[in-house]
Amino acid sequence: MTEQVNDDYPTKPKPMTDAELKAIATAKFNSKSAEEEIVHDFPTEIIELPSKGKLYPKDHPLASGTVEMKYMTAKEEDILTNQSFIKQGVVLDKLFKSMIVSPIQYHELLLCDKNAIMVAARILGYGKDYPITVNHPETGEPVEHSVDLTKLGEKEINWDLITDGRNEFIFELPHSKRHVTISLLTHGKQRKIDAELKGLAKLKKNASITTMLKYVITAIDGDSDNNKIRQFVDNHMLALDSRSLRQYLKQITPDINLKINIPDGESGDTFPVTFTFGLDFFWPDAEI
């Protein structure tokens, strides 16, 4: 019989029972959940996203359809006045990143949801009332109006075309009968588009539509080869198909509805306008 020299030397452990394994897994999960529950010492708001989270993978932080943002502080005002950020064209993205509290990857944010974050950032920074001046459609006279940004609705789209957890759509081009797989643009893809367009501009080329399509289309007849997609867009994409595809994109893209009705002081009626964000949206003290 062999004598054990060192009682402290580890022997082969007995296999754990299913109940023991389950108990350990549960304890680890509860411990992780407690660590992730962060209590902030500053006020925040939960912002609803136009996508309702349906276009993100089901395990994605934004699949809940909401994002948590903090109120703007003097720190964020420093960002807005940073001349380097302004010259680089990244000032608003720096602002939004600073105000978003939820643990997300900013480059994965859909552009349609980014628009909602922009409106929310303005509300959390300078309030819900945004003064605008528009021209009357009949008289041409300027009309002043204060837009309540909290009352902006969402664009109506065909939600039946959207599958929960997938930012992927298959569309048959009506004339060439080719089947293209497309996805809605994220912030990351839009940055790549901007960089490509900037490079083309140096060569005196304007290709905004084709460049956008090259990033929206992810496969042609099931083939996801990027070079083939680019060649197809440049050489075989019929204008009629391009127009149909862009119209389809509007049907499936959630967004903030910027169409509002302006009261007509003289007649008592209202007239519709689509307002745009001016320089004073985030720089209200700027002299425009």
C-alpha atoms as a PDB file:
ATOM      1  CA  MET A   1       0.000   0.000   0.000  1.00  0.00           C
ATOM      2  CA  THR A   2       1.394   3.352  -1.006  1.00  0.00           C
ATOM      3  CA  GLU A   3       1.727   5.905   1.778  1.00  0.00           C
ATOM      4  CA  GLN A   4       0.722   9.487   0.953  1.00  0.00           C
ATOM      5  CA  VAL A   5       3.738  11.684   1.736  1.00  0.00           C
ATOM      6  CA  ASN A   6       1.992  15.074   1.675  1.00  0.00           C
ATOM      7  CA  ASP A   7      -1.628  15.369   2.826  1.00  0.00           C
ATOM      8  CA  ASP A   8      -1.830  18.908   1.329  1.00  0.00           C
ATOM      9  CA  TYR A   9      -1.082  17.690  -2.212  1.00  0.00           C
ATOM     10  CA  PRO A  10      -4.280  17.943  -4.264  1.00  0.00           C
ATOM     11  CA  THR A  11      -5.935  14.700  -5.188  1.00  0.00           C
ATOM     12  CA  LYS A  12      -8.270  14.236  -8.155  1.00  0.00           C
ATOM     13  CA  PRO A  13     -11.577  15.954  -7.270  1.00  0.00           C
ATOM     14  CA  LYS A  14     -14.845  14.085  -7.302  1.00  0.00           C
ATOM     15  CA  PRO A  15     -17.128  14.983 -10.246  1.00  0.00           C
ATOM     16  CA  MET A  16     -19.764  17.611  -9.392  1.00  0.00           C
ATOM     17  CA  THR A  17     -23.417  16.808  -9.484  1.00  0.00           C
ATOM     18  CA  ASP A  18     -25.793  18.646 -11.786  1.00  0.00           C
ATOM     19  CA  ALA A  19     -27.278  20.431  -8.762  1.00  0.00           C
ATOM     20  CA  GLU A  20     -23.840  21.667  -7.658  1.00  0.00           C
ATOM     21  CA  LEU A  21     -22.984  22.904 -11.158  1.00  0.00           C
ATOM     22  CA  LYS A  22     -26.312  24.726 -11.386  1.00  0.00           C
ATOM     23  CA  ALA A  23     -25.755  26.367  -7.995  1.00  0.00           C
ATOM     24  CA  ILE A  24     -22.313  27.635  -9.021  1.00  0.00           C
ATOM     25  CA  ALA A  25     -23.594  28.980 -12.353  1.00  0.00           C
ATOM     26  CA  THR A  26     -26.488  30.753 -10.609  1.00  0.00           C
ATOM     27  CA  ALA A  27     -24.149  32.333  -8.054  1.00  0.00           C
ATOM     28  CA  LYS A  28     -21.804  33.596 -10.781  1.00  0.00           C
ATOM     29  CA  PHE A  29     -24.726  35.047 -12.767  1.00  0.00           C
ATOM     30  CA  ASN A  30     -26.138  36.852  -9.730  1.00  0.00           C
ATOM     31  CA  SER A  31     -22.696  38.169  -8.828  1.00  0.00           C
ATOM     32  CA  LYS A  32     -22.180  39.469 -12.377  1.00  0.00           C
ATOM     33  CA  SER A  33     -25.609  41.099 -12.416  1.00  0.00           C
ATOM     34  CA  ALA A  34     -24.871  42.860  -9.139  1.00  0.00           C
ATOM     35  CA  GLU A  35     -21.569  44.173 -10.494  1.00  0.00           C
ATOM     36  CA  GLU A  36     -23.217  45.441 -13.689  1.00  0.00           C
ATOM     37  CA  GLU A  37     -25.956  47.308 -11.829  1.00  0.00           C
ATOM     38  CA  ILE A  38     -24.366  50.759 -11.782  1.00  0.00           C
ATOM     39  CA  VAL A  39     -25.853  53.578  -9.774  1.00  0.00           C
ATOM     40  CA  HIS A  40     -25.011  56.957 -11.283  1.00  0.00           C
ATOM     41  CA  ASP A  41     -24.524  60.069  -9.205  1.00  0.00           C
ATOM     42  CA  PHE A  42     -25.953  62.251 -11.996  1.00  0.00           C
ATOM     43  CA  PRO A  43     -29.440  62.494 -13.526  1.00  0.00           C
ATOM     44  CA  THR A  44     -30.191  60.399 -16.618  1.00  0.00           C
ATOM     45  CA  GLU A  45     -33.118  59.766 -18.932  1.00  0.00           C
ATOM     46  CA  ILE A  46     -34.186  56.681 -20.876  1.00  0.00           C
ATOM     47  CA  ILE A  47     -34.551  57.543 -24.584  1.00  0.00           C
ATOM     48  CA  GLU A  48     -36.772  55.500 -26.884  1.00  0.00           C
ATOM     49  CA  LEU A  49     -35.231  54.628 -30.244  1.00  0.00           C
ATOM     50  CA  PRO A  50     -37.118  54.757 -33.572  1.00  0.00           C
ATOM     51  CA  SER A  51     -35.922  51.234 -34.418  1.00  0.00           C
ATOM     52  CA  LYS A  52     -37.544  49.931 -31.202  1.00  0.00           C
ATOM     53  CA  GLY A  53     -34.434  47.736 -31.008  1.00  0.00           C
ATOM     54  CA  LYS A  54     -35.857  45.365 -33.615  1.00  0.00           C
ATOM     55  CA  LEU A  55     -32.956  45.809 -36.056  1.00  0.00           C
ATOM     56  CA  TYR A  56     -30.253  44.805 -33.576  1.00  0.00           C
ATOM     57  CA  PRO A  57     -29.310  41.226 -32.646  1.00  0.00           C
ATOM     58  CA  LYS A  58     -31.444  40.001 -29.753  1.00  0.00           C
ATOM     59  CA  ASP A  59     -28.459  39.952 -27.369  1.00  0.00           C
ATOM     60  CA  HIS A  60     -27.377  43.484 -28.337  1.00  0.00           C
ATOM     61  CA  PRO A  61     -27.487  46.246 -25.669  1.00  0.00           C
ATOM     62  CA  LEU A  62     -29.792  48.292 -27.922  1.00  0.00           C
ATOM     63  CA  ALA A  63     -32.223  45.434 -28.576  1.00  0.00           C
ATOM     64  CA  SER A  64     -34.305  46.832 -25.706  1.00  0.00           C
ATOM     65  CA  GLY A  65     -35.215  49.755 -27.958  1.00  0.00           C
ATOM     66  CA  THR A  66     -33.914  52.309 -25.474  1.00  0.00           C
ATOM     67  CA  VAL A  67     -30.671  54.036 -24.545  1.00  0.00           C
ATOM     68  CA  GLU A  68     -29.768  55.814 -21.327  1.00  0.00           C
ATOM     69  CA  MET A  69     -28.369  59.346 -21.601  1.00  0.00           C
ATOM     70  CA  LYS A  70     -27.219  61.892 -19.058  1.00  0.00           C
ATOM     71  CA  TYR A  71     -27.962  65.591 -19.024  1.00  0.00           C
ATOM     72  CA  MET A  72     -25.508  67.933 -20.682  1.00  0.00           C
ATOM     73  CA  THR A  73     -22.975  69.538 -18.352  1.00  0.00           C
ATOM     74  CA  ALA A  74     -20.223  72.126 -18.682  1.00  0.00           C
ATOM     75  CA  LYS A  75     -17.946  69.259 -19.745  1.00  0.00           C
ATOM     76  CA  GLU A  76     -20.122  68.669 -22.819  1.00  0.00           C
ATOM     77  CA  GLU A  77     -20.174  72.402 -23.566  1.00  0.00           C
ATOM     78  CA  ASP A  78     -16.376  72.228 -23.678  1.00  0.00           C
ATOM     79  CA  ILE A  79     -16.753  69.547 -26.344  1.00  0.00           C
ATOM     80  CA  LEU A  80     -19.100  71.748 -28.379  1.00  0.00           C
ATOM     81  CA  THR A  81     -16.579  74.594 -28.378  1.00  0.00           C
ATOM     82  CA  ASN A  82     -13.547  72.409 -29.144  1.00  0.00           C
ATOM     83  CA  GLN A  83     -12.237  73.880 -32.401  1.00  0.00           C
ATOM     84  CA  SER A  84     -10.257  70.753 -33.261  1.00  0.00           C
ATOM     85  CA  PHE A  85     -13.399  68.585 -33.055  1.00  0.00           C
ATOM     86  CA  ILE A  86     -15.325  71.134 -35.109  1.00  0.00           C
ATOM     87  CA  LYS A  87     -12.690  71.221 -37.869  1.00  0.00           C
ATOM     88  CA  GLN A  88     -12.547  67.414 -37.987  1.00  0.00           C
ATOM     89  CA  GLY A  89     -16.346  67.216 -38.214  1.00  0.00           C
ATOM     90  CA  VAL A  90     -16.590  64.924 -35.168  1.00  0.00           C
ATOM     91  CA  VAL A  91     -17.852  67.379 -32.566  1.00  0.00           C
ATOM     92  CA  LEU A  92     -21.421  66.017 -32.377  1.00  0.00           C
ATOM     93  CA  ASP A  93     -20.264  62.410 -32.233  1.00  0.00           C
ATOM     94  CA  LYS A  94     -17.925  63.331 -29.367  1.00  0.00           C
ATOM     95  CA  LEU A  95     -20.880  65.007 -27.651  1.00  0.00           C
ATOM     96  CA  PHE A  96     -23.217  62.033 -28.075  1.00  0.00           C
ATOM     97  CA  LYS A  97     -20.576  59.561 -26.869  1.00  0.00           C
ATOM     98  CA  SER A  98     -20.061  61.671 -23.759  1.00  0.00           C
ATOM     99  CA  MET A  99     -23.804  61.803 -22.997  1.00  0.00           C
ATOM    100  CA  ILE A 100     -24.639  58.134 -23.669  1.00  0.00           C
ATOM    101  CA  VAL A 101     -24.494  56.128 -20.452  1.00  0.00           C
ATOM    102  CA  SER A 102     -25.551  52.726 -21.823  1.00  0.00           C
ATOM    103  CA  PRO A 103     -22.629  50.369 -22.577  1.00  0.00           C
ATOM    104  CA  ILE A 104     -22.846  50.369 -26.372  1.00  0.00           C
ATOM    105  CA  GLN A 105     -20.435  50.321 -29.284  1.00  0.00           C
ATOM    106  CA  TYR A 106     -21.084  53.687 -30.899  1.00  0.00           C
ATOM    107  CA  HIS A 107     -20.115  52.534 -34.403  1.00  0.00           C
ATOM    108  CA  GLU A 108     -22.928  49.941 -34.261  1.00  0.00           C
ATOM    109  CA  LEU A 109     -25.590  52.611 -33.729  1.00  0.00           C
ATOM    110  CA  LEU A 110     -28.082  52.808 -36.606  1.00  0.00           C
ATOM    111  CA  LEU A 111     -28.279  56.222 -38.245  1.00  0.00           C
ATOM    112  CA  CYS A 112     -32.028  56.376 -37.669  1.00  0.00           C
ATOM    113  CA  ASP A 113     -31.442  55.912 -33.929  1.00  0.00           C
ATOM    114  CA  LYS A 114     -28.614  58.431 -33.985  1.00  0.00           C
ATOM    115  CA  ASN A 115     -31.123  61.077 -35.123  1.00  0.00           C
ATOM    116  CA  ALA A 116     -33.210  60.371 -32.013  1.00  0.00           C
ATOM    117  CA  ILE A 117     -30.115  60.664 -29.837  1.00  0.00           C
ATOM    118  CA  MET A 118     -29.354  64.031 -31.437  1.00  0.00           C
ATOM    119  CA  VAL A 119     -32.809  65.359 -30.570  1.00  0.00           C
ATOM    120  CA  ALA A 120     -32.542  63.933 -27.056  1.00  0.00           C
ATOM    121  CA  ALA A 121     -29.121  65.540 -26.566  1.00  0.00           C
ATOM    122  CA  ARG A 122     -30.573  68.934 -27.531  1.00  0.00           C
ATOM    123  CA  ILE A 123     -33.445  68.500 -25.049  1.00  0.00           C
ATOM    124  CA  LEU A 124     -31.117  67.365 -22.255  1.00  0.00           C
ATOM    125  CA  GLY A 125     -28.812  70.277 -22.972  1.00  0.00           C
ATOM    126  CA  TYR A 126     -30.904  73.320 -23.773  1.00  0.00           C
ATOM    127  CA  GLY A 127     -34.517  72.267 -23.250  1.00  0.00           C
ATOM    128  CA  LYS A 128     -37.387  71.046 -25.377  1.00  0.00           C
ATOM    129  CA  ASP A 129     -38.295  74.353 -27.080  1.00  0.00           C
ATOM    130  CA  TYR A 130     -36.463  75.069 -30.331  1.00  0.00           C
ATOM    131  CA  PRO A 131     -37.294  78.391 -32.038  1.00  0.00           C
ATOM    132  CA  ILE A 132     -37.365  78.367 -35.843  1.00  0.00           C
ATOM    133  CA  THR A 133     -38.256  80.809 -38.597  1.00  0.00           C
ATOM    134  CA  VAL A 134     -39.892  79.547 -41.800  1.00  0.00           C
ATOM    135  CA  ASN A 135     -41.320  81.268 -44.844  1.00  0.00           C
ATOM    136  CA  HIS A 136     -45.073  81.178 -45.362  1.00  0.00           C
ATOM    137  CA  PRO A 137     -45.794  78.999 -48.448  1.00  0.00           C
ATOM    138  CA  GLU A 138     -48.178  81.578 -49.961  1.00  0.00           C
ATOM    139  CA  THR A 139     -46.974  84.998 -48.852  1.00  0.00           C
ATOM    140  CA  GLY A 140     -43.306  84.212 -48.444  1.00  0.00           C
ATOM    141  CA  GLU A 141     -43.319  86.169 -45.191  1.00  0.00           C
ATOM    142  CA  PRO A 142     -41.150  84.830 -42.331  1.00  0.00           C
ATOM    143  CA  VAL A 143     -43.100  83.076 -39.586  1.00  0.00           C
ATOM    144  CA  GLU A 144     -41.583  82.442 -36.172  1.00  0.00           C
ATOM    145  CA  HIS A 145     -42.498  79.283 -34.289  1.00  0.00           C
ATOM    146  CA  SER A 146     -41.244  77.344 -31.268  1.00  0.00           C
ATOM    147  CA  VAL A 147     -41.000  73.590 -31.863  1.00  0.00           C
ATOM    148  CA  ASP A 148     -41.613  71.349 -28.863  1.00  0.00           C
ATOM    149  CA  LEU A 149     -38.994  68.671 -29.535  1.00  0.00           C
ATOM    150  CA  THR A 150     -40.672  66.239 -27.150  1.00  0.00           C
ATOM    151  CA  LYS A 151     -43.737  66.232 -29.401  1.00  0.00           C
ATOM    152  CA  LEU A 152     -41.913  65.039 -32.516  1.00  0.00           C
ATOM    153  CA  GLY A 153     -43.411  61.772 -33.710  1.00  0.00           C
ATOM    154  CA  GLU A 154     -41.908  58.833 -35.557  1.00  0.00           C
ATOM    155  CA  LYS A 155     -42.018  58.187 -39.270  1.00  0.00           C
ATOM    156  CA  GLU A 156     -44.563  55.601 -40.364  1.00  0.00           C
ATOM    157  CA  ILE A 157     -42.955  52.546 -41.935  1.00  0.00           C
ATOM    158  CA  ASN A 158     -44.009  49.032 -42.847  1.00  0.00           C
ATOM    159  CA  TRP A 159     -43.029  47.075 -39.726  1.00  0.00           C
ATOM    160  CA  ASP A 160     -44.237  43.860 -41.359  1.00  0.00           C
ATOM    161  CA  LEU A 161     -41.095  43.949 -43.498  1.00  0.00           C
ATOM    162  CA  ILE A 162     -38.847  43.861 -40.426  1.00  0.00           C
ATOM    163  CA  THR A 163     -37.790  40.647 -38.698  1.00  0.00           C
ATOM    164  CA  ASP A 164     -36.897  41.035 -35.021  1.00  0.00           C
ATOM    165  CA  GLY A 165     -33.176  40.772 -34.404  1.00  0.00           C
ATOM    166  CA  ARG A 166     -32.105  41.166 -38.041  1.00  0.00           C
ATOM    167  CA  ASN A 167     -30.829  44.157 -39.941  1.00  0.00           C
ATOM    168  CA  GLU A 168     -31.104  42.302 -43.235  1.00  0.00           C
ATOM    169  CA  PHE A 169     -33.575  42.517 -46.099  1.00  0.00           C
ATOM    170  CA  ILE A 170     -33.796  40.811 -49.484  1.00  0.00           C
ATOM    171  CA  PHE A 171     -35.125  42.935 -52.323  1.00  0.00           C
ATOM    172  CA  GLU A 172     -35.740  41.916 -55.923  1.00  0.00           C
ATOM    173  CA  LEU A 173     -34.669  44.628 -58.329  1.00  0.00           C
ATOM    174  CA  PRO A 174     -37.792  45.074 -60.496  1.00  0.00           C
ATOM    175  CA  HIS A 175     -36.035  45.403 -63.850  1.00  0.00           C
ATOM    176  CA  SER A 176     -32.898  43.257 -63.702  1.00  0.00           C
ATOM    177  CA  LYS A 177     -34.645  40.702 -61.434  1.00  0.00           C
ATOM    178  CA  ARG A 178     -31.467  40.349 -59.372  1.00  0.00           C
ATOM    179  CA  HIS A 179     -31.915  39.711 -55.645  1.00  0.00           C
ATOM    180  CA  VAL A 180     -29.926  42.043 -53.413  1.00  0.00           C
ATOM    181  CA  THR A 181     -29.429  41.683 -49.676  1.00  0.00           C
ATOM    182  CA  ILE A 182     -29.319  45.045 -47.937  1.00  0.00           C
ATOM    183  CA  SER A 183     -28.910  46.434 -44.421  1.00  0.00           C
ATOM    184  CA  LEU A 184     -29.619  49.836 -42.915  1.00  0.00           C
ATOM    185  CA  LEU A 185     -26.591  52.027 -42.372  1.00  0.00           C
ATOM    186  CA  THR A 186     -24.847  52.285 -39.027  1.00  0.00           C
ATOM    187  CA  HIS A 187     -22.693  55.153 -37.810  1.00  0.00           C
ATOM    188  CA  GLY A 188     -19.604  53.079 -38.581  1.00  0.00           C
ATOM    189  CA  LYS A 189     -20.616  52.514 -42.202  1.00  0.00           C
ATOM    190  CA  GLN A 190     -21.572  56.161 -42.633  1.00  0.00           C
ATOM    191  CA  ARG A 191     -18.099  57.228 -41.489  1.00  0.00           C
ATOM    192  CA  LYS A 192     -16.603  54.978 -44.175  1.00  0.00           C
ATOM    193  CA  ILE A 193     -18.930  56.492 -46.773  1.00  0.00           C
ATOM    194  CA  ASP A 194     -17.932  60.007 -45.711  1.00  0.00           C
ATOM    195  CA  ALA A 195     -14.245  59.141 -45.941  1.00  0.00           C
ATOM    196  CA  GLU A 196     -14.692  57.620 -49.413  1.00  0.00           C
ATOM    197  CA  LEU A 197     -16.671  60.610 -50.663  1.00  0.00           C
ATOM    198  CA  LYS A 198     -14.020  62.960 -49.293  1.00  0.00           C
ATOM    199  CA  GLY A 199     -11.380  61.087 -51.260  1.00  0.00           C
ATOM    200  CA  LEU A 200     -13.491  61.207 -54.434  1.00  0.00           C
ATOM    201  CA  ALA A 201     -14.054  64.932 -53.976  1.00  0.00           C
ATOM    202  CA  LYS A 202     -10.303  65.494 -54.147  1.00  0.00           C
ATOM    203  CA  LEU A 203     -10.429  63.824 -57.555  1.00  0.00           C
ATOM    204  CA  LYS A 204     -13.332  66.114 -58.569  1.00  0.00           C
ATOM    205  CA  LYS A 205     -15.734  63.160 -58.561  1.00  0.00           C
ATOM    206  CA  ASN A 206     -19.256  63.050 -57.187  1.00  0.00           C
ATOM    207  CA  ALA A 207     -20.616  59.569 -56.514  1.00  0.00           C
ATOM    208  CA  SER A 208     -22.864  59.923 -53.485  1.00  0.00           C
ATOM    209  CA  ILE A 209     -25.592  57.534 -54.667  1.00  0.00           C
ATOM    210  CA  THR A 210     -23.355  54.707 -55.874  1.00  0.00           C
ATOM    211  CA  THR A 211     -21.092  54.980 -52.828  1.00  0.00           C
ATOM    212  CA  MET A 212     -24.092  54.705 -50.508  1.00  0.00           C
ATOM    213  CA  LEU A 213     -25.400  51.663 -52.414  1.00  0.00           C
ATOM    214  CA  LYS A 214     -22.028  49.924 -52.130  1.00  0.00           C
ATOM    215  CA  TYR A 215     -22.353  50.006 -48.342  1.00  0.00           C
ATOM    216  CA  VAL A 216     -26.093  49.312 -48.162  1.00  0.00           C
ATOM    217  CA  ILE A 217     -25.912  46.214 -50.400  1.00  0.00           C
ATOM    218  CA  THR A 218     -24.292  43.276 -48.618  1.00  0.00           C
ATOM    219  CA  ALA A 219     -24.893  40.540 -51.214  1.00  0.00           C
ATOM    220  CA  ILE A 220     -26.115  40.031 -54.778  1.00  0.00           C
ATOM    221  CA  ASP A 221     -27.959  36.783 -55.476  1.00  0.00           C
ATOM    222  CA  GLY A 222     -26.423  35.461 -52.257  1.00  0.00           C
ATOM    223  CA  ASP A 223     -22.851  36.408 -53.202  1.00  0.00           C
ATOM    224  CA  SER A 224     -21.313  38.713 -50.578  1.00  0.00           C
ATOM    225  CA  ASP A 225     -18.008  39.338 -52.388  1.00  0.00           C
ATOM    226  CA  ASN A 226     -17.383  43.069 -51.907  1.00  0.00           C
ATOM    227  CA  ASN A 227     -15.555  43.518 -55.220  1.00  0.00           C
ATOM    228  CA  LYS A 228     -18.447  41.965 -57.138  1.00  0.00           C
ATOM    229  CA  ILE A 229     -20.923  44.220 -55.318  1.00  0.00           C
ATOM    230  CA  ARG A 230     -18.924  47.303 -56.273  1.00  0.00           C
ATOM    231  CA  GLN A 231     -18.600  46.224 -59.880  1.00  0.00           C
ATOM    232  CA  PHE A 232     -22.329  45.561 -60.082  1.00  0.00           C
ATOM    233  CA  VAL A 233     -23.201  48.987 -58.660  1.00  0.00           C
ATOM    234  CA  ASP A 234     -20.777  50.784 -60.970  1.00  0.00           C
ATOM    235  CA  ASN A 235     -21.497  48.888 -64.181  1.00  0.00           C
ATOM    236  CA  HIS A 236     -24.809  47.041 -64.004  1.00  0.00           C
ATOM    237  CA  MET A 237     -27.101  48.904 -61.595  1.00  0.00           C
ATOM    238  CA  LEU A 238     -29.911  50.327 -63.711  1.00  0.00           C
ATOM    239  CA  ALA A 239     -31.181  53.758 -62.709  1.00  0.00           C
ATOM    240  CA  LEU A 240     -34.725  52.381 -62.446  1.00  0.00           C
ATOM    241  CA  ASP A 241     -33.522  49.648 -60.081  1.00  0.00           C
ATOM    242  CA  SER A 242     -31.491  52.125 -58.050  1.00  0.00           C
ATOM    243  CA  ARG A 243     -34.531  54.344 -57.595  1.00  0.00           C
ATOM    244  CA  SER A 244     -36.740  51.412 -56.598  1.00  0.00           C
ATOM    245  CA  LEU A 245     -34.191  50.203 -54.071  1.00  0.00           C
ATOM    246  CA  ARG A 246     -33.902  53.659 -52.493  1.00  0.00           C
ATOM    247  CA  GLN A 247     -37.686  53.891 -52.244  1.00  0.00           C
ATOM    248  CA  TYR A 248     -37.749  50.494 -50.539  1.00  0.00           C
ATOM    249  CA  LEU A 249     -35.140  51.735 -48.078  1.00  0.00           C
ATOM    250  CA  LYS A 250     -37.482  54.556 -47.078  1.00  0.00           C
ATOM    251  CA  GLN A 251     -40.215  52.003 -46.366  1.00  0.00           C
ATOM    252  CA  ILE A 252     -38.049  50.037 -43.932  1.00  0.00           C
ATOM    253  CA  THR A 253     -36.081  52.845 -42.242  1.00  0.00           C
ATOM    254  CA  PRO A 254     -37.490  54.026 -38.906  1.00  0.00           C
ATOM    255  CA  ASP A 255     -36.733  57.650 -38.047  1.00  0.00           C
ATOM    256  CA  ILE A 256     -37.852  60.821 -36.322  1.00  0.00           C
ATOM    257  CA  ASN A 257     -40.660  62.597 -38.177  1.00  0.00           C
ATOM    258  CA  LEU A 258     -39.528  66.164 -38.821  1.00  0.00           C
ATOM    259  CA  LYS A 259     -42.751  67.211 -40.534  1.00  0.00           C
ATOM    260  CA  ILE A 260     -44.655  69.670 -38.350  1.00  0.00           C
ATOM    261  CA  ASN A 261     -47.635  71.990 -38.707  1.00  0.00           C
ATOM    262  CA  ILE A 262     -47.032  75.714 -38.211  1.00  0.00           C
ATOM    263  CA  PRO A 263     -49.938  77.876 -37.009  1.00  0.00           C
ATOM    264  CA  ASP A 264     -50.943  80.633 -39.447  1.00  0.00           C
ATOM    265  CA  GLY A 265     -51.675  83.641 -37.262  1.00  0.00           C
ATOM    266  CA  GLU A 266     -53.832  85.380 -39.848  1.00  0.00           C
ATOM    267  CA  SER A 267     -56.156  82.587 -41.004  1.00  0.00           C
ATOM    268  CA  GLY A 268     -56.050  80.439 -37.886  1.00  0.00           C
ATOM    269  CA  ASP A 269     -55.104  77.421 -39.993  1.00  0.00           C
ATOM    270  CA  THR A 270     -51.811  75.592 -40.090  1.00  0.00           C
ATOM    271  CA  PHE A 271     -49.378  74.825 -42.890  1.00  0.00           C
ATOM    272  CA  PRO A 272     -46.954  71.885 -43.010  1.00  0.00           C
ATOM    273  CA  VAL A 273     -43.176  72.235 -43.142  1.00  0.00           C
ATOM    274  CA  THR A 274     -40.210  69.945 -42.722  1.00  0.00           C
ATOM    275  CA  PHE A 275     -37.813  71.727 -40.445  1.00  0.00           C
ATOM    276  CA  THR A 276     -34.071  71.181 -40.408  1.00  0.00           C
ATOM    277  CA  PHE A 277     -31.551  71.511 -37.625  1.00  0.00           C
ATOM    278  CA  GLY A 278     -29.798  74.855 -37.815  1.00  0.00           C
ATOM    279  CA  LEU A 279     -26.440  75.827 -36.375  1.00  0.00           C
ATOM    280  CA  ASP A 280     -28.247  77.065 -33.257  1.00  0.00           C
ATOM    281  CA  PHE A 281     -29.561  73.564 -32.501  1.00  0.00           C
ATOM    282  CA  PHE A 282     -26.489  72.936 -30.340  1.00  0.00           C
ATOM    283  CA  TRP A 283     -25.046  76.439 -30.383  1.00  0.00           C
ATOM    284  CA  PRO A 284     -28.064  78.552 -29.361  1.00  0.00           C
ATOM    285  CA  ASP A 285     -25.885  81.557 -28.581  1.00  0.00           C
ATOM    286  CA  ALA A 286     -24.232  81.569 -32.007  1.00  0.00           C
ATOM    287  CA  GLU A 287     -24.842  84.669 -34.071  1.00  0.00           C
ATOM    288  CA  ILE A 288     -26.406  83.392 -37.276  1.00  0.00           C
END
